[in-house]
Amino acid sequence: MSSPESTRSPDSEPNDSLRPAMLSGAFWMVATRWAVRFLGLISMVILARLLNPSDFGLVAMAMLVVGFAEAWLAFGVDMALIQDQHAGRPEFDTAWTLRFGQTTAVALIAALAAPWAAEYFGDDRLPLIMWVVAGGFFLTGFTNIGVVAFRRELRFRQEFWLIILPKLVSFTVTMVAAWVLRNYWALVIGSITLYVANVTTSYLMHPYRPRFSLATVRKLWSFSQWMLLVNVAWYLENRSDEAVIGGAGGTADMGHYSVASEVSQLPNTEISAPLARALYPVIAKMQAQPERLRLAYKKVLATITGLTFPAGVGLALVAPQLVTVALGDGWEETIPFLQVLAVFAAIRSSYGSAGSVLVAVHRVREVALVTWMHFGLFLGLALWMIDGMGLIGVAWAKLVATAVAAFVNFWLLTRATQVTFADIAVSLIRPVLATIVMSAVLWEVSGVVSSAPIFGLLSMVAIGALTYGLAATALWMLMGRPDGAEHLILEKLRIVKTPA
């Protein structure tokens, strides 16, 4: 069968093509994902009316344990293959074998941990759910490793469909199951469907056929040992808040918090994450060109922040109207969680791409250390703040810890590359100032917009978007029209020309 590297040689990409490959590919990916995310929001609106918060919380508890087991065995072999521009069949087969072993072990650990999870969370329904989910997760070990070549070769269009097609299948099955069953099993069935669809799509989209091999295990392990520590810390940093909420509260509290967390992350998952995903293989190719790397990162940071920061803060400001319109009655307790977590997500998205750059330039150890620091700081703050503030203290602890982590990540970036704090400040200043203007306007008009939830929501969104757009454009012009989200959007609209 064809090997991944046979479809296109990464080294054949001329240096001048890296900028459009990163920006145009990422722009197309983000724009199209928005359309698909709209479908996801529709599913959440429907499911919120067919199911109740405890259903969401119960499944979130099960997935939390499975994800925790997965994090301890996540070797990051796909990133190792992307970083190694000369990886061939021996490396790909070894990576697939390691990942198959990982998923098998995770499935077994999750199944064995089911009784403990039921005792910790106080719900006897968890073991059966976890056994079913563990069985489905085992199947993901068969996923075709050849699809990693899509990212390595900067073929983001194929990468997009690889991600989206299984989600469309899962969406359809989940909707039907929820309509028929009206309980948490609809969410479980949807998760299993996604696992199966991911495996199937990977073989339909790439001709590579993996084989069992450990030929280059030492070579991969030299990179993956640090990625393992990073992945564990990333998971604990991102999901330990749900573990605290689930243990201190109940399934309903977990449902409110998990839905708020998912909604708050929308700007990050649909804008920042795709851009960071596109950035990593490009930066891996620029390791020997530090000045080009610096300029590329400045543009990416300005673009990500210009899109996600106002979206996150705006989401916090319209949270009451959004929850009423989108989720309906019974979800009011979601609002305070969403307001705090949306601001957290805005801060998080601003520095997330720094981690991709640090990994790409072989600073995995530093990323691991700072991520563990972030987790430790959050956990200490959460255990302290929950006593005085209740469950909302967990969300505030996450926000404060993330603000500290943002500074540390940017500091590490300035030590590892030619990016300076001045570069970072210039990239952040416009979106931050424009967001402050937007927030002030929305705060003033919040009391006079329509009292009808849907019209109030639409009015707030329209006013916020218009205010931010005008403020950002004015600042952009005053600063000499530098590269960023404004330039990228106008470039795609053919209003300005691409710089040579």
Foldseek 3Di string as FASTA:
>chain_A
DDKLCVVDQLVVDDLVCLVCLQQVLLVVLLVVVVVLVVVVLQLLLLLLVLEPLLLQLLLLLLVLLLLLLLLLLDLVLLLVVLLPSPDIQQSLQQSLQSLLVSLLRSLVVSQVCQVVSCVQLVHPVRNVLNNLLSVLSNLLSLARSSCSSCLSNSVSVLVSCLQRVLLVVLSVQLSVCSVPPSGSVSVSVSSSSSSVSNRVSRVVSDVDHHDHHNPCVVVSNVLRVLVSLLSSLVSLLLCVLLVVQSNVDHSSSSSLLVVLLVVLQVLCVSRLVSSLSNVQSSLSVCLVPQVVNQVSVLLSLLASLLRQLLVLQLCLLLQVLCCCVRNNPNNNVSNLSNNLSSNLNSLCSNQVSLLSNCSSNPNSNVSSVLSNVLSVQLVVQQVVQCVVPNSSSSSVSSSVSSNVSSVVSVVVSVVRGVHDVVSSCVSNVLSVVLSVQLVVVLVVCLVPFDPPSVRSSVVSVVSSVVSSVVSSVVVCVVVPNDRYNVVSVCCVVVVDDDDD
